């Protein structure tokens, strides 16, 4: 038998009819559609990584812009160094009187001793014990 050329193969493919799929194939191969209320608990949505990265960047930028820095809000509430406030800060106007006193030195804290492995000795003989809970 001599091999067929492309033209003859194309003619044979046009004449060929595909057999019908078995009736029970679709339920075995295709997933059953979930009701909408079950999909809310078990469904998934595929989102490309660049979209997630862009949304994350927007959230970070919004968080930085929306919330003031802690250091900025504290410095706005405190009077400048070396100034004595004679009225509460909530009642305007604030009277500020410069002082010539030197501020007190910061409290001296004790230094903690650092851990050292200078005298470390390995265990000479290890005796493990197995502890079991009795029922």
N, C-alpha and C. Protein backbone atom coordinates (compact mmCIF):
# COMPACT_ATOMS: atom_id res chain seq x y z
N UNK A 1 0.84 -1.16 0.00
CA UNK A 1 0.00 0.00 0.00
C UNK A 1 0.89 1.22 0.00
N UNK A 2 0.58 2.10 -0.85
CA UNK A 2 1.44 3.28 -0.97
C UNK A 2 0.90 4.41 -0.09
N UNK A 3 1.81 5.23 0.48
CA UNK A 3 1.36 6.28 1.42
C UNK A 3 0.50 7.34 0.72
N UNK A 4 -0.44 7.91 1.46
CA UNK A 4 -1.33 8.92 0.93
C UNK A 4 -0.68 10.30 1.00
N UNK A 5 -0.99 11.12 0.05
CA UNK A 5 -0.47 12.48 0.10
C UNK A 5 -1.45 13.39 0.86
N UNK A 6 -1.08 14.66 1.04
CA UNK A 6 -1.89 15.58 1.83
C UNK A 6 -3.29 15.79 1.24
N UNK A 7 -3.38 15.83 -0.08
CA UNK A 7 -4.67 16.07 -0.71
C UNK A 7 -5.64 14.93 -0.42
N UNK A 8 -5.15 13.68 -0.54
CA UNK A 8 -6.00 12.52 -0.28
C UNK A 8 -6.39 12.45 1.20
N UNK A 9 -5.47 12.81 2.11
CA UNK A 9 -5.76 12.79 3.55
C UNK A 9 -6.84 13.82 3.89
N UNK A 10 -6.78 14.99 3.28
CA UNK A 10 -7.79 16.02 3.54
C UNK A 10 -9.16 15.55 3.07
N UNK A 11 -9.23 14.85 1.93
CA UNK A 11 -10.50 14.34 1.44
C UNK A 11 -11.07 13.29 2.39
N UNK A 12 -10.19 12.43 2.92
CA UNK A 12 -10.64 11.41 3.86
C UNK A 12 -11.16 12.05 5.15
N UNK A 13 -10.49 13.08 5.62
CA UNK A 13 -10.92 13.76 6.85
C UNK A 13 -12.27 14.44 6.67
N UNK A 14 -12.55 14.97 5.49
CA UNK A 14 -13.84 15.60 5.23
C UNK A 14 -14.97 14.58 5.23
N UNK A 15 -14.70 13.35 4.82
CA UNK A 15 -15.71 12.31 4.76
C UNK A 15 -15.93 11.65 6.12
N UNK A 16 -14.97 11.73 6.98
CA UNK A 16 -15.04 11.03 8.27
C UNK A 16 -16.05 11.70 9.20
N UNK A 17 -16.87 10.92 9.85
CA UNK A 17 -17.85 11.43 10.80
C UNK A 17 -17.44 10.98 12.20
N UNK A 18 -17.49 11.92 13.11
CA UNK A 18 -17.12 11.65 14.50
C UNK A 18 -18.25 10.89 15.16
N UNK A 19 -17.92 9.80 15.89
CA UNK A 19 -18.99 9.07 16.58
C UNK A 19 -19.54 9.91 17.73
N UNK A 20 -20.79 9.71 18.06
CA UNK A 20 -21.43 10.48 19.12
C UNK A 20 -20.85 10.07 20.48
N UNK A 21 -20.77 11.04 21.39
CA UNK A 21 -20.26 10.77 22.74
C UNK A 21 -21.31 10.00 23.52
N UNK A 22 -20.88 9.13 24.43
CA UNK A 22 -21.86 8.40 25.25
C UNK A 22 -22.68 9.36 26.09
N UNK A 23 -23.89 8.98 26.41
CA UNK A 23 -24.81 9.86 27.14
C UNK A 23 -24.32 10.14 28.56
N UNK A 24 -23.64 9.20 29.19
CA UNK A 24 -23.19 9.38 30.58
C UNK A 24 -21.85 10.07 30.70
N UNK A 25 -21.28 10.53 29.60
CA UNK A 25 -19.95 11.14 29.66
C UNK A 25 -19.98 12.54 30.28
N UNK A 26 -20.92 13.36 29.92
CA UNK A 26 -20.97 14.75 30.39
C UNK A 26 -21.05 14.85 31.92
N UNK A 27 -21.91 14.11 32.61
CA UNK A 27 -21.94 14.24 34.08
C UNK A 27 -20.64 13.78 34.75
N UNK A 28 -19.95 12.83 34.11
CA UNK A 28 -18.71 12.35 34.71
C UNK A 28 -17.54 13.31 34.48
N UNK A 29 -17.55 14.02 33.38
CA UNK A 29 -16.41 14.88 33.03
C UNK A 29 -16.61 16.32 33.45
N UNK A 30 -17.78 16.87 33.22
CA UNK A 30 -18.04 18.29 33.51
C UNK A 30 -18.48 18.45 34.96
N UNK A 31 -18.01 19.51 35.65
CA UNK A 31 -18.43 19.71 37.04
C UNK A 31 -19.89 20.18 37.10
N UNK A 32 -20.55 19.80 38.20
CA UNK A 32 -21.93 20.24 38.39
C UNK A 32 -21.92 21.71 38.81
N UNK A 33 -22.79 22.52 38.23
CA UNK A 33 -22.82 23.93 38.64
C UNK A 33 -23.37 24.06 40.06
N UNK A 34 -22.71 24.91 40.87
CA UNK A 34 -23.14 25.14 42.25
C UNK A 34 -24.25 26.18 42.28
N UNK A 35 -25.21 26.04 43.21
CA UNK A 35 -26.18 27.12 43.40
C UNK A 35 -25.45 28.39 43.86
N UNK A 36 -26.04 29.54 43.62
CA UNK A 36 -25.35 30.81 43.92
C UNK A 36 -25.03 30.94 45.39
N UNK A 37 -25.88 30.42 46.28
CA UNK A 37 -25.62 30.58 47.71
C UNK A 37 -24.49 29.67 48.17
N UNK A 38 -24.33 28.50 47.52
CA UNK A 38 -23.18 27.65 47.86
C UNK A 38 -21.89 28.23 47.28
N UNK A 39 -22.02 28.88 46.13
CA UNK A 39 -20.83 29.47 45.51
C UNK A 39 -20.25 30.58 46.40
N UNK A 40 -21.10 31.29 47.16
CA UNK A 40 -20.62 32.34 48.05
C UNK A 40 -19.66 31.78 49.11
N UNK A 41 -19.85 30.53 49.51
CA UNK A 41 -19.00 29.92 50.52
C UNK A 41 -17.83 29.14 49.91
N UNK A 42 -18.01 28.55 48.73
CA UNK A 42 -16.98 27.68 48.18
C UNK A 42 -16.44 28.15 46.85
N UNK A 43 -16.96 29.23 46.29
CA UNK A 43 -16.54 29.67 44.98
C UNK A 43 -15.19 30.37 44.99
N UNK A 44 -14.58 30.45 43.84
CA UNK A 44 -13.30 31.15 43.69
C UNK A 44 -13.39 32.13 42.53
N UNK A 45 -12.57 33.17 42.62
CA UNK A 45 -12.46 34.14 41.54
C UNK A 45 -10.98 34.23 41.20
N UNK A 46 -10.64 34.03 39.97
CA UNK A 46 -9.24 34.09 39.56
C UNK A 46 -8.90 35.52 39.19
N UNK A 47 -7.87 36.06 39.85
CA UNK A 47 -7.43 37.42 39.60
C UNK A 47 -5.96 37.38 39.23
N UNK A 48 -5.55 38.03 38.15
CA UNK A 48 -4.13 38.04 37.78
C UNK A 48 -3.28 38.74 38.84
N UNK A 49 -2.05 38.29 39.00
CA UNK A 49 -1.14 38.83 40.02
C UNK A 49 -0.91 40.33 39.83
N UNK A 50 -0.73 40.86 38.62
CA UNK A 50 -0.53 42.30 38.50
C UNK A 50 -1.72 43.12 39.02
N UNK A 51 -2.93 42.61 38.86
CA UNK A 51 -4.10 43.33 39.37
C UNK A 51 -4.06 43.36 40.90
N UNK A 52 -3.73 42.24 41.53
CA UNK A 52 -3.63 42.18 42.99
C UNK A 52 -2.53 43.12 43.48
N UNK A 53 -1.38 43.13 42.78
CA UNK A 53 -0.27 44.01 43.17
C UNK A 53 -0.68 45.48 43.06
N UNK A 54 -1.41 45.83 42.02
CA UNK A 54 -1.85 47.23 41.86
C UNK A 54 -2.84 47.61 42.96
N UNK A 55 -3.78 46.71 43.27
CA UNK A 55 -4.73 47.00 44.35
C UNK A 55 -4.02 47.14 45.70
N UNK A 56 -3.03 46.29 45.95
CA UNK A 56 -2.27 46.37 47.19
C UNK A 56 -1.50 47.70 47.26
N UNK A 57 -0.92 48.13 46.16
CA UNK A 57 -0.21 49.41 46.14
C UNK A 57 -1.16 50.57 46.40
N UNK A 58 -2.35 50.52 45.85
CA UNK A 58 -3.34 51.58 46.09
C UNK A 58 -3.73 51.62 47.57
N UNK A 59 -3.92 50.46 48.19
CA UNK A 59 -4.29 50.42 49.60
C UNK A 59 -3.17 50.97 50.47
N UNK A 60 -1.92 50.62 50.17
CA UNK A 60 -0.79 51.12 50.96
C UNK A 60 -0.66 52.63 50.81
N UNK A 61 -0.78 53.13 49.60
CA UNK A 61 -0.68 54.58 49.38
C UNK A 61 -1.82 55.30 50.09
N UNK A 62 -3.03 54.75 50.03
CA UNK A 62 -4.16 55.35 50.72
C UNK A 62 -3.95 55.37 52.22
N UNK A 63 -3.40 54.27 52.78
CA UNK A 63 -3.17 54.21 54.23
C UNK A 63 -2.13 55.24 54.66
N UNK A 64 -1.10 55.44 53.86
CA UNK A 64 -0.08 56.43 54.20
C UNK A 64 -0.66 57.83 54.10
N UNK A 65 -1.46 58.08 53.10
CA UNK A 65 -2.02 59.41 52.89
C UNK A 65 -3.12 59.73 53.91
N UNK A 66 -3.94 58.72 54.24
CA UNK A 66 -5.12 58.98 55.07
C UNK A 66 -4.79 59.15 56.55
N UNK A 67 -3.82 58.43 57.04
CA UNK A 67 -3.50 58.49 58.47
C UNK A 67 -2.23 59.30 58.69
N UNK A 68 -2.30 60.34 59.52
CA UNK A 68 -1.10 61.14 59.78
C UNK A 68 -0.09 60.33 60.59
N UNK A 69 1.14 60.72 60.48
CA UNK A 69 2.18 60.04 61.24
C UNK A 69 2.02 60.32 62.71
N UNK A 70 2.41 59.37 63.54
CA UNK A 70 2.27 59.52 64.98
C UNK A 70 3.17 60.63 65.49
N UNK A 71 4.38 60.73 64.97
CA UNK A 71 5.31 61.75 65.44
C UNK A 71 4.80 63.15 65.11
N UNK A 72 4.12 63.31 63.96
CA UNK A 72 3.60 64.63 63.59
C UNK A 72 2.49 65.06 64.53
N UNK A 73 1.60 64.14 64.91
CA UNK A 73 0.47 64.52 65.75
C UNK A 73 0.92 64.81 67.18
N UNK A 74 1.95 64.12 67.67
CA UNK A 74 2.43 64.38 69.03
C UNK A 74 3.19 65.70 69.10
N UNK A 75 3.98 65.99 68.08
CA UNK A 75 4.76 67.23 68.12
C UNK A 75 3.86 68.45 68.02
N UNK A 76 2.69 68.31 67.40
CA UNK A 76 1.77 69.44 67.29
C UNK A 76 1.10 69.74 68.63
N UNK A 77 1.02 68.76 69.53
CA UNK A 77 0.36 68.95 70.80
C UNK A 77 1.30 69.43 71.90
N UNK A 78 2.58 69.22 71.76
CA UNK A 78 3.54 69.57 72.80
C UNK A 78 4.11 70.96 72.58
N UNK A 79 4.34 71.73 73.66
CA UNK A 79 4.98 73.03 73.50
C UNK A 79 6.47 72.85 73.22
N UNK A 80 7.14 73.87 72.70
CA UNK A 80 8.57 73.75 72.42
C UNK A 80 9.36 73.55 73.71
N UNK A 81 10.56 72.99 73.57
CA UNK A 81 11.41 72.71 74.73
C UNK A 81 11.82 74.02 75.41
N UNK A 82 11.87 74.01 76.74
CA UNK A 82 12.28 75.19 77.50
C UNK A 82 11.17 76.20 77.72
N UNK A 83 9.93 75.85 77.41
CA UNK A 83 8.81 76.77 77.57
C UNK A 83 7.87 76.19 78.62
N UNK A 84 7.43 77.01 79.55
CA UNK A 84 6.50 76.58 80.59
C UNK A 84 5.11 77.07 80.21
N UNK A 85 4.16 76.20 80.20
CA UNK A 85 2.78 76.53 79.87
C UNK A 85 2.04 76.76 81.19
N UNK A 86 1.44 77.94 81.35
CA UNK A 86 0.76 78.26 82.60
C UNK A 86 -0.72 77.96 82.56
N UNK A 87 -1.30 77.69 81.37
CA UNK A 87 -2.71 77.33 81.24
C UNK A 87 -2.80 75.98 80.53
N UNK A 88 -3.90 75.31 80.69
CA UNK A 88 -4.06 74.05 79.93
C UNK A 88 -4.01 74.33 78.43
N UNK A 89 -3.55 73.35 77.68
CA UNK A 89 -3.37 73.52 76.24
C UNK A 89 -4.70 73.73 75.52
N UNK A 90 -5.82 73.30 76.11
CA UNK A 90 -7.11 73.39 75.44
C UNK A 90 -7.71 74.79 75.50
N UNK A 91 -7.24 75.66 76.41
CA UNK A 91 -7.82 77.00 76.52
C UNK A 91 -6.90 78.04 75.88
N UNK A 92 -7.31 78.65 74.79
CA UNK A 92 -6.48 79.67 74.16
C UNK A 92 -6.62 80.98 74.92
N UNK A 93 -5.76 81.92 74.87
CA UNK A 93 -4.42 81.80 74.32
C UNK A 93 -3.49 81.13 75.32
N UNK A 94 -2.46 80.50 74.81
CA UNK A 94 -1.48 79.83 75.66
C UNK A 94 -0.40 80.84 76.02
N UNK A 95 -0.17 80.95 77.28
CA UNK A 95 0.86 81.88 77.73
C UNK A 95 2.15 81.09 77.93
N UNK A 96 3.17 81.55 77.25
CA UNK A 96 4.45 80.84 77.33
C UNK A 96 5.48 81.75 77.99
N UNK A 97 6.13 81.20 78.99
CA UNK A 97 7.15 81.97 79.70
C UNK A 97 8.47 81.26 79.52
N UNK A 98 9.49 81.92 78.94
CA UNK A 98 10.79 81.27 78.79
C UNK A 98 11.43 81.06 80.16
N UNK A 99 12.10 79.94 80.32
CA UNK A 99 12.77 79.64 81.59
C UNK A 99 14.27 79.60 81.39
N UNK A 100 15.00 79.83 82.47
CA UNK A 100 16.46 79.77 82.42
C UNK A 100 16.97 78.51 83.10
N UNK A 101 16.04 77.70 83.64
CA UNK A 101 16.45 76.48 84.31
C UNK A 101 16.97 75.48 83.29
N UNK A 102 17.92 74.70 83.71
CA UNK A 102 18.42 73.64 82.84
C UNK A 102 17.54 72.41 83.06
N UNK A 103 17.26 71.71 82.03
CA UNK A 103 16.42 70.53 82.20
C UNK A 103 17.15 69.46 83.02
N UNK A 104 16.38 68.64 83.73
CA UNK A 104 16.96 67.58 84.55
C UNK A 104 17.59 66.53 83.65
N UNK A 105 18.70 65.94 84.08
CA UNK A 105 19.33 64.89 83.25
C UNK A 105 18.41 63.67 83.20
N UNK A 106 18.49 62.94 82.12
CA UNK A 106 17.64 61.76 82.01
C UNK A 106 18.00 60.74 83.08
N UNK A 107 17.02 59.95 83.49
CA UNK A 107 17.26 58.96 84.54
C UNK A 107 18.28 57.94 84.05
N UNK A 108 19.19 57.59 84.94
CA UNK A 108 20.22 56.61 84.60
C UNK A 108 19.63 55.23 84.79
N UNK A 109 19.71 54.43 83.76
CA UNK A 109 19.19 53.07 83.84
C UNK A 109 20.34 52.10 84.03
N UNK A 110 20.09 51.04 84.75
CA UNK A 110 21.12 50.03 84.97
C UNK A 110 21.33 49.25 83.68
N UNK A 111 22.56 48.93 83.41
CA UNK A 111 22.87 48.13 82.24
C UNK A 111 22.59 46.68 82.54
N UNK A 112 22.02 46.03 81.60
CA UNK A 112 21.82 44.59 81.74
C UNK A 112 23.11 43.89 81.36
N UNK A 113 23.38 42.82 82.05
CA UNK A 113 24.57 42.05 81.70
C UNK A 113 24.25 41.26 80.44
N UNK A 114 25.20 41.21 79.55
CA UNK A 114 24.99 40.49 78.31
C UNK A 114 25.27 39.01 78.51
N UNK A 115 24.58 38.19 77.77
CA UNK A 115 24.80 36.76 77.86
C UNK A 115 26.11 36.41 77.19
N UNK A 116 26.81 35.46 77.78
CA UNK A 116 28.10 35.05 77.24
C UNK A 116 28.18 33.53 77.26
N UNK A 117 28.81 32.98 76.29
CA UNK A 117 29.03 31.53 76.23
C UNK A 117 30.45 31.18 76.61
N UNK A 118 31.14 32.05 77.36
CA UNK A 118 32.54 31.83 77.70
C UNK A 118 32.72 30.58 78.54
N UNK A 119 31.83 30.30 79.51
CA UNK A 119 31.99 29.13 80.36
C UNK A 119 31.12 27.96 79.93
N UNK A 120 30.67 27.94 78.70
CA UNK A 120 29.77 26.90 78.22
C UNK A 120 30.50 25.58 78.11
N UNK A 121 29.90 24.52 78.64
CA UNK A 121 30.44 23.17 78.53
C UNK A 121 29.34 22.28 77.95
N UNK A 122 29.67 21.44 76.99
CA UNK A 122 28.65 20.53 76.46
C UNK A 122 28.32 19.45 77.49
N UNK A 123 27.14 18.85 77.37
CA UNK A 123 26.72 17.78 78.26
C UNK A 123 27.61 16.57 78.01
N UNK A 124 28.13 15.98 79.10
CA UNK A 124 29.03 14.84 78.93
C UNK A 124 28.25 13.57 78.61
N UNK A 125 27.14 13.32 79.29
CA UNK A 125 26.34 12.14 79.01
C UNK A 125 24.87 12.54 79.03
N UNK A 126 24.18 12.23 77.97
CA UNK A 126 22.78 12.59 77.85
C UNK A 126 21.93 11.40 78.25
N UNK A 127 21.01 11.60 79.18
CA UNK A 127 20.13 10.53 79.64
C UNK A 127 18.68 10.96 79.40
N UNK A 128 18.14 10.69 78.21
CA UNK A 128 16.76 11.09 77.93
C UNK A 128 15.76 10.23 78.70
N UNK A 129 14.63 10.82 79.08
CA UNK A 129 13.56 10.10 79.75
C UNK A 129 12.28 10.31 78.95
N UNK A 130 11.54 9.22 78.79
CA UNK A 130 10.28 9.28 78.05
C UNK A 130 9.16 9.40 79.07
N UNK A 131 8.40 10.48 79.03
CA UNK A 131 7.30 10.70 79.94
C UNK A 131 6.00 10.41 79.21
N UNK A 132 5.21 9.52 79.81
CA UNK A 132 3.93 9.18 79.19
C UNK A 132 2.80 9.55 80.13
N UNK A 133 1.70 9.99 79.55
CA UNK A 133 0.54 10.31 80.32
C UNK A 133 -0.28 9.04 80.53
N UNK A 134 -0.58 8.75 81.78
CA UNK A 134 -1.37 7.54 82.06
C UNK A 134 -2.84 7.87 81.96
N UNK A 135 -3.58 6.96 81.40
CA UNK A 135 -5.02 7.18 81.24
C UNK A 135 -5.81 6.38 82.21
